[in-house]
C-alpha atoms as a PDB file:
ATOM      1  CA  MET A   1      96.677  -1.726 -23.747  1.00  0.00           C
ATOM      2  CA  PRO A   2      97.343  -2.371 -20.076  1.00  0.00           C
ATOM      3  CA  GLU A   3      98.178  -5.967 -19.298  1.00  0.00           C
ATOM      4  CA  GLU A   4      95.160  -6.133 -16.882  1.00  0.00           C
ATOM      5  CA  GLY A   5      92.803  -4.720 -19.514  1.00  0.00           C
ATOM      6  CA  VAL A   6      90.450  -1.693 -18.804  1.00  0.00           C
ATOM      7  CA  GLN A   7      87.209  -1.446 -16.875  1.00  0.00           C
ATOM      8  CA  LEU A   8      84.369  -1.809 -19.229  1.00  0.00           C
ATOM      9  CA  SER A   9      81.404   0.516 -18.997  1.00  0.00           C
ATOM     10  CA  PRO A  10      77.854  -1.041 -18.624  1.00  0.00           C
ATOM     11  CA  LYS A  11      75.950  -0.998 -21.841  1.00  0.00           C
ATOM     12  CA  SER A  12      73.574   1.447 -20.343  1.00  0.00           C
ATOM     13  CA  HIS A  13      76.063   4.090 -19.755  1.00  0.00           C
ATOM     14  CA  ILE A  14      77.112   4.095 -23.534  1.00  0.00           C
ATOM     15  CA  MET A  15      75.234   6.210 -26.017  1.00  0.00           C
ATOM     16  CA  THR A  16      72.927   4.277 -28.524  1.00  0.00           C
ATOM     17  CA  TYR A  17      73.042   5.026 -32.116  1.00  0.00           C
ATOM     18  CA  GLU A  18      70.025   7.227 -31.790  1.00  0.00           C
ATOM     19  CA  GLU A  19      71.785   9.271 -29.040  1.00  0.00           C
ATOM     20  CA  VAL A  20      75.001   9.397 -31.059  1.00  0.00           C
ATOM     21  CA  TYR A  21      72.885  10.762 -33.916  1.00  0.00           C
ATOM     22  CA  ASP A  22      71.038  13.340 -31.890  1.00  0.00           C
ATOM     23  CA  ILE A  23      74.042  14.793 -30.055  1.00  0.00           C
ATOM     24  CA  ALA A  24      75.941  14.780 -33.493  1.00  0.00           C
ATOM     25  CA  LYS A  25      72.960  16.877 -35.199  1.00  0.00           C
ATOM     26  CA  THR A  26      72.904  19.290 -32.356  1.00  0.00           C
ATOM     27  CA  PHE A  27      76.750  20.159 -33.146  1.00  0.00           C
ATOM     28  CA  VAL A  28      76.121  20.054 -36.910  1.00  0.00           C
ATOM     29  CA  ASP A  29      73.107  22.461 -36.461  1.00  0.00           C
ATOM     30  CA  ASN A  30      75.407  24.852 -34.702  1.00  0.00           C
ATOM     31  CA  GLY A  31      78.127  24.671 -37.339  1.00  0.00           C
ATOM     32  CA  VAL A  32      80.067  21.640 -37.110  1.00  0.00           C
ATOM     33  CA  THR A  33      81.091  20.452 -40.566  1.00  0.00           C
ATOM     34  CA  LYS A  34      83.403  17.548 -39.744  1.00  0.00           C
ATOM     35  CA  ILE A  35      82.709  14.257 -37.699  1.00  0.00           C
ATOM     36  CA  ARG A  36      85.459  11.687 -37.027  1.00  0.00           C
ATOM     37  CA  LEU A  37      84.551   8.270 -35.289  1.00  0.00           C
ATOM     38  CA  THR A  38      87.447   7.135 -33.098  1.00  0.00           C
ATOM     39  CA  GLY A  39      87.753   4.322 -30.559  1.00  0.00           C
ATOM     40  CA  GLY A  40      88.683   2.179 -28.505  1.00  0.00           C
ATOM     41  CA  GLU A  41      87.744   0.627 -32.061  1.00  0.00           C
ATOM     42  CA  PRO A  42      84.512   1.849 -33.798  1.00  0.00           C
ATOM     43  CA  PHE A  43      83.957  -1.428 -35.572  1.00  0.00           C
ATOM     44  CA  VAL A  44      83.558  -3.332 -32.505  1.00  0.00           C
ATOM     45  CA  ARG A  45      80.073  -1.936 -32.190  1.00  0.00           C
ATOM     46  CA  LYS A  46      77.524  -4.204 -33.645  1.00  0.00           C
ATOM     47  CA  ASP A  47      75.412  -1.163 -34.842  1.00  0.00           C
ATOM     48  CA  ILE A  48      78.346   0.692 -36.501  1.00  0.00           C
ATOM     49  CA  PRO A  49      76.811   0.294 -39.978  1.00  0.00           C
ATOM     50  CA  VAL A  50      73.629   2.121 -38.689  1.00  0.00           C
ATOM     51  CA  ILE A  51      75.709   4.813 -36.821  1.00  0.00           C
ATOM     52  CA  LEU A  52      77.677   5.466 -40.189  1.00  0.00           C
ATOM     53  CA  GLU A  53      74.394   5.550 -42.247  1.00  0.00           C
ATOM     54  CA  LYS A  54      72.803   8.063 -39.767  1.00  0.00           C
ATOM     55  CA  LEU A  55      75.682  10.316 -39.478  1.00  0.00           C
ATOM     56  CA  ALA A  56      76.150  10.233 -43.371  1.00  0.00           C
ATOM     57  CA  SER A  57      72.804  11.700 -43.646  1.00  0.00           C
ATOM     58  CA  LEU A  58      74.034  14.979 -42.048  1.00  0.00           C
ATOM     59  CA  PRO A  59      75.878  17.565 -44.122  1.00  0.00           C
ATOM     60  CA  VAL A  60      79.247  16.754 -42.975  1.00  0.00           C
ATOM     61  CA  GLU A  61      82.579  15.348 -43.899  1.00  0.00           C
ATOM     62  CA  LEU A  62      82.565  11.902 -42.240  1.00  0.00           C
ATOM     63  CA  SER A  63      85.814  10.091 -41.407  1.00  0.00           C
ATOM     64  CA  ILE A  64      87.182   7.246 -39.029  1.00  0.00           C
ATOM     65  CA  THR A  65      90.182   6.143 -36.963  1.00  0.00           C
ATOM     66  CA  SER A  66      90.506   2.313 -36.569  1.00  0.00           C
ATOM     67  CA  ASN A  67      93.099  -0.409 -35.354  1.00  0.00           C
ATOM     68  CA  ALA A  68      92.506  -1.838 -38.899  1.00  0.00           C
ATOM     69  CA  VAL A  69      92.139  -5.254 -37.396  1.00  0.00           C
ATOM     70  CA  ILE A  70      88.629  -5.999 -39.020  1.00  0.00           C
ATOM     71  CA  ILE A  71      88.096  -3.001 -41.113  1.00  0.00           C
ATOM     72  CA  ASN A  72      88.257  -5.206 -44.176  1.00  0.00           C
ATOM     73  CA  ARG A  73      84.621  -6.580 -43.315  1.00  0.00           C
ATOM     74  CA  PHE A  74      83.397  -2.963 -43.820  1.00  0.00           C
ATOM     75  CA  ILE A  75      84.728  -1.612 -46.973  1.00  0.00           C
ATOM     76  CA  ASP A  76      81.557  -1.683 -48.611  1.00  0.00           C
ATOM     77  CA  VAL A  77      79.882   0.044 -45.706  1.00  0.00           C
ATOM     78  CA  LEU A  78      82.493   2.691 -45.725  1.00  0.00           C
ATOM     79  CA  LYS A  79      82.018   3.315 -49.379  1.00  0.00           C
ATOM     80  CA  ALA A  80      78.167   3.433 -49.360  1.00  0.00           C
ATOM     81  CA  ASN A  81      78.385   6.133 -46.629  1.00  0.00           C
ATOM     82  CA  GLN A  82      80.995   8.130 -48.590  1.00  0.00           C
ATOM     83  CA  ILE A  83      83.642   7.773 -46.005  1.00  0.00           C
ATOM     84  CA  LYS A  84      86.899   8.329 -48.025  1.00  0.00           C
ATOM     85  CA  LYS A  85      89.493   9.133 -44.996  1.00  0.00           C
ATOM     86  CA  ILE A  86      90.635   6.636 -42.643  1.00  0.00           C
ATOM     87  CA  ASN A  87      93.308   6.911 -39.885  1.00  0.00           C
ATOM     88  CA  VAL A  88      94.925   3.881 -38.806  1.00  0.00           C
ATOM     89  CA  SER A  89      96.548   3.487 -35.369  1.00  0.00           C
ATOM     90  CA  LEU A  90     100.141   1.587 -35.666  1.00  0.00           C
ATOM     91  CA  ASP A  91     102.792   2.443 -33.349  1.00  0.00           C
ATOM     92  CA  SER A  92     105.360  -0.132 -34.580  1.00  0.00           C
ATOM     93  CA  LEU A  93     106.300  -2.059 -37.798  1.00  0.00           C
ATOM     94  CA  ASP A  94     107.945  -4.870 -35.537  1.00  0.00           C
ATOM     95  CA  LYS A  95     105.603  -7.631 -34.971  1.00  0.00           C
ATOM     96  CA  ASP A  96     106.857  -8.392 -31.322  1.00  0.00           C
ATOM     97  CA  LYS A  97     106.551  -4.801 -30.295  1.00  0.00           C
ATOM     98  CA  PHE A  98     102.976  -4.425 -31.821  1.00  0.00           C
ATOM     99  CA  THR A  99     102.098  -7.660 -29.863  1.00  0.00           C
ATOM    100  CA  HIS A 100     103.610  -6.041 -26.756  1.00  0.00           C
ATOM    101  CA  ILE A 101     101.624  -2.890 -27.181  1.00  0.00           C
ATOM    102  CA  THR A 102      98.249  -4.137 -28.089  1.00  0.00           C
ATOM    103  CA  ARG A 103      98.385  -7.702 -26.324  1.00  0.00           C
ATOM    104  CA  ARG A 104      97.408  -9.110 -29.638  1.00  0.00           C
ATOM    105  CA  ASN A 105      99.374 -10.922 -32.390  1.00  0.00           C
ATOM    106  CA  GLN A 106      97.560  -9.076 -35.241  1.00  0.00           C
ATOM    107  CA  PHE A 107     100.167  -7.090 -37.088  1.00  0.00           C
ATOM    108  CA  ASP A 108      99.796  -8.906 -40.242  1.00  0.00           C
ATOM    109  CA  LYS A 109      96.054  -8.312 -40.249  1.00  0.00           C
ATOM    110  CA  VAL A 110      96.583  -4.611 -39.837  1.00  0.00           C
ATOM    111  CA  TYR A 111      99.261  -4.170 -42.307  1.00  0.00           C
ATOM    112  CA  ASN A 112      97.388  -6.070 -45.090  1.00  0.00           C
ATOM    113  CA  ASN A 113      94.313  -3.859 -44.311  1.00  0.00           C
ATOM    114  CA  ILE A 114      96.270  -0.704 -44.754  1.00  0.00           C
ATOM    115  CA  LEU A 115      97.493  -2.011 -48.075  1.00  0.00           C
ATOM    116  CA  LEU A 116      93.558  -3.080 -48.836  1.00  0.00           C
ATOM    117  CA  LEU A 117      92.488   0.466 -47.999  1.00  0.00           C
ATOM    118  CA  VAL A 118      95.085   2.043 -50.257  1.00  0.00           C
ATOM    119  CA  LYS A 119      93.942  -0.220 -53.070  1.00  0.00           C
ATOM    120  CA  GLU A 120      90.377   0.409 -52.526  1.00  0.00           C
ATOM    121  CA  GLY A 121      90.969   4.116 -53.116  1.00  0.00           C
ATOM    122  CA  PHE A 122      90.870   5.420 -49.371  1.00  0.00           C
ATOM    123  CA  THR A 123      93.004   8.285 -48.052  1.00  0.00           C
ATOM    124  CA  VAL A 124      95.049   6.670 -45.367  1.00  0.00           C
ATOM    125  CA  LYS A 125      96.947   8.187 -42.644  1.00  0.00           C
ATOM    126  CA  VAL A 126      98.984   5.986 -40.251  1.00  0.00           C
ATOM    127  CA  ASN A 127      99.174   7.366 -36.569  1.00  0.00           C
ATOM    128  CA  ALA A 128     102.303   6.368 -34.649  1.00  0.00           C
ATOM    129  CA  VAL A 129     102.972   7.546 -31.129  1.00  0.00           C
ATOM    130  CA  LEU A 130     106.647   7.617 -30.585  1.00  0.00           C
ATOM    131  CA  MET A 131     108.356   6.810 -27.297  1.00  0.00           C
ATOM    132  CA  LYS A 132     112.166   6.800 -26.662  1.00  0.00           C
ATOM    133  CA  ASP A 133     113.858   3.393 -26.432  1.00  0.00           C
ATOM    134  CA  PHE A 134     110.752   1.631 -27.943  1.00  0.00           C
ATOM    135  CA  ASN A 135     110.026   2.709 -31.243  1.00  0.00           C
ATOM    136  CA  GLU A 136     112.010   5.860 -31.985  1.00  0.00           C
ATOM    137  CA  ASP A 137     114.361   3.764 -34.137  1.00  0.00           C
ATOM    138  CA  GLU A 138     111.511   3.107 -36.548  1.00  0.00           C
ATOM    139  CA  ILE A 139     111.034   6.582 -37.743  1.00  0.00           C
ATOM    140  CA  ILE A 140     112.832   6.039 -40.766  1.00  0.00           C
ATOM    141  CA  ASP A 141     111.212   2.733 -41.447  1.00  0.00           C
ATOM    142  CA  PHE A 142     107.873   4.421 -41.289  1.00  0.00           C
ATOM    143  CA  ILE A 143     108.751   7.109 -43.759  1.00  0.00           C
ATOM    144  CA  GLU A 144     110.075   4.691 -46.128  1.00  0.00           C
ATOM    145  CA  LEU A 145     106.667   3.147 -46.265  1.00  0.00           C
ATOM    146  CA  THR A 146     105.656   6.320 -48.029  1.00  0.00           C
ATOM    147  CA  LYS A 147     108.157   5.708 -50.958  1.00  0.00           C
ATOM    148  CA  ASP A 148     105.743   3.215 -52.827  1.00  0.00           C
ATOM    149  CA  LEU A 149     102.661   3.613 -50.739  1.00  0.00           C
ATOM    150  CA  PRO A 150     100.334   6.998 -51.022  1.00  0.00           C
ATOM    151  CA  VAL A 151      99.912   7.208 -47.142  1.00  0.00           C
ATOM    152  CA  SER A 152     100.695   9.860 -44.724  1.00  0.00           C
ATOM    153  CA  ILE A 153     102.745   8.627 -41.689  1.00  0.00           C
ATOM    154  CA  ARG A 154     101.863  10.818 -38.549  1.00  0.00           C
ATOM    155  CA  PHE A 155     104.301  10.844 -35.737  1.00  0.00           C
ATOM    156  CA  ILE A 156     102.769  11.876 -32.493  1.00  0.00           C
ATOM    157  CA  GLU A 157     104.437  13.058 -29.354  1.00  0.00           C
ATOM    158  CA  PHE A 158     103.765  10.900 -26.503  1.00  0.00           C
ATOM    159  CA  MET A 159     100.958  12.788 -24.242  1.00  0.00           C
ATOM    160  CA  PRO A 160     100.345  12.565 -20.589  1.00  0.00           C
ATOM    161  CA  PHE A 161      97.195  10.618 -19.495  1.00  0.00           C
ATOM    162  CA  ASP A 162      95.906   8.839 -16.548  1.00  0.00           C
ATOM    163  CA  GLY A 163      97.895   5.445 -16.276  1.00  0.00           C
ATOM    164  CA  ASN A 164     100.230   5.886 -19.108  1.00  0.00           C
ATOM    165  CA  LYS A 165     103.228   6.513 -16.853  1.00  0.00           C
ATOM    166  CA  TRP A 166     104.077   9.600 -18.886  1.00  0.00           C
ATOM    167  CA  ASP A 167     107.580  11.107 -18.249  1.00  0.00           C
ATOM    168  CA  LEU A 168     109.202  13.909 -20.569  1.00  0.00           C
ATOM    169  CA  SER A 169     112.250  11.965 -20.803  1.00  0.00           C
ATOM    170  CA  LYS A 170     110.218   9.149 -22.742  1.00  0.00           C
ATOM    171  CA  MET A 171     109.026  11.620 -25.247  1.00  0.00           C
ATOM    172  CA  VAL A 172     110.447  12.005 -28.747  1.00  0.00           C
ATOM    173  CA  ALA A 173     110.136  15.754 -29.526  1.00  0.00           C
ATOM    174  CA  TYR A 174     109.192  17.433 -32.859  1.00  0.00           C
ATOM    175  CA  LYS A 175     112.755  18.823 -33.157  1.00  0.00           C
ATOM    176  CA  GLU A 176     114.337  15.393 -32.498  1.00  0.00           C
ATOM    177  CA  ILE A 177     112.320  13.669 -35.184  1.00  0.00           C
ATOM    178  CA  LEU A 178     113.188  16.300 -37.941  1.00  0.00           C
ATOM    179  CA  GLU A 179     116.977  15.909 -36.735  1.00  0.00           C
ATOM    180  CA  LYS A 180     116.650  12.179 -37.578  1.00  0.00           C
ATOM    181  CA  VAL A 181     114.893  12.638 -40.842  1.00  0.00           C
ATOM    182  CA  ASN A 182     117.504  15.383 -41.854  1.00  0.00           C
ATOM    183  CA  GLN A 183     120.472  13.219 -41.073  1.00  0.00           C
ATOM    184  CA  HIS A 184     119.260  10.253 -42.935  1.00  0.00           C
ATOM    185  CA  PHE A 185     117.869  11.804 -46.044  1.00  0.00           C
ATOM    186  CA  PRO A 186     120.099  13.782 -48.535  1.00  0.00           C
ATOM    187  CA  LYS A 187     120.098  17.656 -48.146  1.00  0.00           C
ATOM    188  CA  GLY A 188     117.239  19.196 -50.155  1.00  0.00           C
ATOM    189  CA  THR A 189     114.961  16.109 -50.216  1.00  0.00           C
ATOM    190  CA  VAL A 190     112.786  16.802 -47.185  1.00  0.00           C
ATOM    191  CA  GLU A 191     110.060  18.984 -48.337  1.00  0.00           C
ATOM    192  CA  ARG A 192     107.779  21.244 -46.036  1.00  0.00           C
ATOM    193  CA  LEU A 193     104.312  20.928 -47.240  1.00  0.00           C
ATOM    194  CA  GLN A 194     101.421  23.454 -46.951  1.00  0.00           C
ATOM    195  CA  ASP A 195      99.267  22.475 -43.919  1.00  0.00           C
ATOM    196  CA  ALA A 196      95.359  22.523 -44.138  1.00  0.00           C
ATOM    197  CA  PRO A 197      93.594  25.235 -42.050  1.00  0.00           C
ATOM    198  CA  ASN A 198      93.416  24.497 -38.394  1.00  0.00           C
ATOM    199  CA  ASP A 199      95.520  21.034 -39.096  1.00  0.00           C
ATOM    200  CA  THR A 200      97.006  19.475 -35.948  1.00  0.00           C
ATOM    201  CA  ALA A 201     100.034  18.141 -38.073  1.00  0.00           C
ATOM    202  CA  LYS A 202     103.135  19.613 -39.491  1.00  0.00           C
ATOM    203  CA  ASN A 203     103.388  18.155 -42.990  1.00  0.00           C
ATOM    204  CA  TYR A 204     106.496  16.865 -44.827  1.00  0.00           C
ATOM    205  CA  LYS A 205     107.424  14.704 -47.678  1.00  0.00           C
ATOM    206  CA  ILE A 206     110.634  13.167 -49.156  1.00  0.00           C
ATOM    207  CA  LYS A 207     110.935  14.340 -52.745  1.00  0.00           C
ATOM    208  CA  GLY A 208     109.884  11.759 -55.144  1.00  0.00           C
ATOM    209  CA  TYR A 209     108.072   9.575 -52.768  1.00  0.00           C
ATOM    210  CA  ARG A 210     104.384   8.864 -53.324  1.00  0.00           C
ATOM    211  CA  GLY A 211     103.196   9.526 -49.594  1.00  0.00           C
ATOM    212  CA  SER A 212     104.217  11.998 -46.902  1.00  0.00           C
ATOM    213  CA  PHE A 213     104.814  12.195 -43.267  1.00  0.00           C
ATOM    214  CA  ALA A 214     103.591  14.802 -40.465  1.00  0.00           C
ATOM    215  CA  ILE A 215     104.458  15.447 -36.952  1.00  0.00           C
ATOM    216  CA  ILE A 216     101.637  16.229 -34.299  1.00  0.00           C
ATOM    217  CA  SER A 217     103.654  18.267 -31.775  1.00  0.00           C
ATOM    218  CA  SER A 218     101.008  18.486 -28.990  1.00  0.00           C
ATOM    219  CA  VAL A 219     103.514  18.895 -26.242  1.00  0.00           C
ATOM    220  CA  THR A 220     106.582  20.841 -27.542  1.00  0.00           C
ATOM    221  CA  ASN A 221     105.077  22.820 -30.149  1.00  0.00           C
ATOM    222  CA  PRO A 222     101.207  22.780 -29.583  1.00  0.00           C
ATOM    223  CA  PHE A 223      98.690  24.195 -32.044  1.00  0.00           C
ATOM    224  CA  CYS A 224      96.174  25.227 -29.298  1.00  0.00           C
ATOM    225  CA  ASP A 225      95.679  28.701 -31.032  1.00  0.00           C
ATOM    226  CA  SER A 226      94.167  27.269 -34.215  1.00  0.00           C
ATOM    227  CA  CYS A 227      92.650  24.121 -32.610  1.00  0.00           C
ATOM    228  CA  ASN A 228      88.921  23.798 -33.488  1.00  0.00           C
ATOM    229  CA  ARG A 229      88.168  20.329 -32.212  1.00  0.00           C
ATOM    230  CA  LEU A 230      86.053  18.921 -29.534  1.00  0.00           C
ATOM    231  CA  ARG A 231      85.647  15.320 -28.559  1.00  0.00           C
ATOM    232  CA  LEU A 232      82.632  13.232 -27.312  1.00  0.00           C
ATOM    233  CA  THR A 233      83.307  10.218 -25.276  1.00  0.00           C
ATOM    234  CA  ALA A 234      81.271   6.952 -25.780  1.00  0.00           C
ATOM    235  CA  ASN A 235      79.367   7.592 -22.561  1.00  0.00           C
ATOM    236  CA  GLY A 236      78.168  11.116 -23.977  1.00  0.00           C
ATOM    237  CA  HIS A 237      80.831  13.303 -22.323  1.00  0.00           C
ATOM    238  CA  LEU A 238      82.213  16.617 -24.081  1.00  0.00           C
ATOM    239  CA  LYS A 239      85.958  17.139 -23.510  1.00  0.00           C
ATOM    240  CA  ASN A 240      86.893  20.705 -24.812  1.00  0.00           C
ATOM    241  CA  CYS A 241      90.431  19.658 -25.082  1.00  0.00           C
ATOM    242  CA  LEU A 242      92.096  16.352 -25.083  1.00  0.00           C
ATOM    243  CA  PHE A 243      94.634  17.411 -22.203  1.00  0.00           C
ATOM    244  CA  SER A 244      91.458  18.702 -20.259  1.00  0.00           C
ATOM    245  CA  ALA A 245      90.933  16.995 -16.834  1.00  0.00           C
ATOM    246  CA  THR A 246      87.177  18.127 -16.778  1.00  0.00           C
ATOM    247  CA  GLU A 247      84.241  16.711 -18.880  1.00  0.00           C
ATOM    248  CA  SER A 248      80.778  18.020 -19.496  1.00  0.00           C
ATOM    249  CA  ASP A 249      77.881  15.479 -19.298  1.00  0.00           C
ATOM    250  CA  LEU A 250      75.624  15.750 -22.282  1.00  0.00           C
ATOM    251  CA  LEU A 251      74.119  12.333 -22.256  1.00  0.00           C
ATOM    252  CA  THR A 252      72.354  12.551 -18.815  1.00  0.00           C
ATOM    253  CA  ALA A 253      70.728  15.979 -19.930  1.00  0.00           C
ATOM    254  CA  LEU A 254      69.790  14.323 -23.330  1.00  0.00           C
ATOM    255  CA  ARG A 255      68.133  11.463 -21.800  1.00  0.00           C
ATOM    256  CA  ALA A 256      66.305  13.921 -19.403  1.00  0.00           C
ATOM    257  CA  LYS A 257      64.855  15.774 -22.466  1.00  0.00           C
ATOM    258  CA  LYS A 258      66.804  18.712 -21.503  1.00  0.00           C
ATOM    259  CA  PRO A 259      68.513  20.994 -24.052  1.00  0.00           C
ATOM    260  CA  ILE A 260      72.279  20.208 -24.445  1.00  0.00           C
ATOM    261  CA  GLU A 261      73.254  23.435 -26.306  1.00  0.00           C
ATOM    262  CA  PRO A 262      73.785  25.391 -23.038  1.00  0.00           C
ATOM    263  CA  ILE A 263      76.030  22.733 -21.686  1.00  0.00           C
ATOM    264  CA  ILE A 264      78.108  22.810 -24.998  1.00  0.00           C
ATOM    265  CA  GLN A 265      78.329  26.299 -24.937  1.00  0.00           C
ATOM    266  CA  LYS A 266      79.685  26.623 -21.288  1.00  0.00           C
ATOM    267  CA  ALA A 267      82.075  23.871 -22.033  1.00  0.00           C
ATOM    268  CA  ILE A 268      83.521  25.797 -25.060  1.00  0.00           C
ATOM    269  CA  GLN A 269      83.772  29.068 -23.260  1.00  0.00           C
ATOM    270  CA  ALA A 270      85.620  27.269 -20.512  1.00  0.00           C
ATOM    271  CA  LYS A 271      88.128  25.994 -22.710  1.00  0.00           C
ATOM    272  CA  LEU A 272      91.634  27.049 -21.488  1.00  0.00           C
ATOM    273  CA  LYS A 273      94.321  28.790 -23.706  1.00  0.00           C
ATOM    274  CA  MET A 274      96.752  25.865 -23.834  1.00  0.00           C
ATOM    275  CA  ARG A 275      96.787  22.260 -23.010  1.00  0.00           C
ATOM    276  CA  GLY A 276      94.169  22.019 -20.794  1.00  0.00           C
ATOM    277  CA  GLY A 277      95.898  24.756 -18.464  1.00  0.00           C
ATOM    278  CA  MET A 278      99.277  22.918 -18.686  1.00  0.00           C
ATOM    279  CA  ASP A 279     100.846  25.890 -20.555  1.00  0.00           C
ATOM    280  CA  THR A 280     104.318  24.972 -19.740  1.00  0.00           C
ATOM    281  CA  LEU A 281     106.407  21.948 -19.673  1.00  0.00           C
ATOM    282  CA  GLU A 282     106.946  22.270 -15.955  1.00  0.00           C
ATOM    283  CA  LYS A 283     103.126  22.012 -15.271  1.00  0.00           C
ATOM    284  CA  LEU A 284     103.188  18.956 -17.749  1.00  0.00           C
ATOM    285  CA  GLN A 285     105.506  17.310 -15.553  1.00  0.00           C
ATOM    286  CA  GLN A 286     103.176  17.579 -12.478  1.00  0.00           C
ATOM    287  CA  PRO A 287     101.385  14.259 -12.166  1.00  0.00           C
ATOM    288  CA  ASP A 288      98.514  15.723 -10.064  1.00  0.00           C
ATOM    289  CA  LEU A 289      97.780  17.999 -13.012  1.00  0.00           C
ATOM    290  CA  HIS A 290      97.142  15.167 -15.650  1.00  0.00           C
ATOM    291  CA  LEU A 291      96.220  12.102 -13.621  1.00  0.00           C
ATOM    292  CA  LYS A 292      92.728  13.494 -13.307  1.00  0.00           C
ATOM    293  CA  ASN A 293      92.401  12.940 -17.090  1.00  0.00           C
ATOM    294  CA  ARG A 294      90.955   9.755 -18.031  1.00  0.00           C
ATOM    295  CA  SER A 295      93.276   7.325 -19.922  1.00  0.00           C
ATOM    296  CA  MET A 296      93.693   7.836 -23.593  1.00  0.00           C
ATOM    297  CA  ILE A 297      92.370   4.295 -24.119  1.00  0.00           C
ATOM    298  CA  THR A 298      88.913   5.152 -22.646  1.00  0.00           C
ATOM    299  CA  ILE A 299      89.023   8.453 -24.417  1.00  0.00           C
ATOM    300  CA  GLY A 300      89.417   7.205 -27.760  1.00  0.00           C
ATOM    301  CA  GLY A 301      92.181   7.725 -30.307  1.00  0.00           C
END
């Protein structure tokens, strides 16, 4: 979170729960089988129980990504709507680093809520974006969480977005992560797991540990050829790729009672082959190519 915060959108620019449902239903009618609610933070919406109930009525697998600060208040709501998979964003196990990143001193709440989610039977994944000279020294600490906890730690390569001062030198690459892991754990104990179809992560575990870990290598080893994900922002814009600098406005058409399928179809057909057109590391290092993309804070994790 930037120190100065972010520009908040007027409520009228944000989808209502009815509009969330209407757009989601259009996608489901056209073959989408999974929906994940992400942030900002989904649970700050006062109508989140209604949104979950409406989406749960669709024939989809419903999941959610949260910062887990107040998720403990919604355990019954999650269970009532058959939500079993929770992703928690947590970039550091160090309280001071956590406070620096989030501008909030709430590490204990988040950590205890992760334990609560596990206890309540949810499938929990913990997402950590790695950065050099900040949290790369915590890779092993994160993996050690999986010794006794049945969670999946997912290390994510630092990606370029507007305002995040991205630089290739700050990124901890897939190869570097594995090197650190293999140097620490005895030979033969790091197991490669079978990835799910269209998975964004390369999955591993330490032999004998309850949980697992994974690496999402969007920058150095992208999964664009098998990616089947689309992202709908809170103001009803469709992004055909997380790296994409362009968006397609579905909400304006919906409010004007116009069909949104043609807009969706055009956006999907315009999807570029790799990383929103930044198909080389050289292009990724050209700020003018990724500064047009809104910040990750305003896209949603």
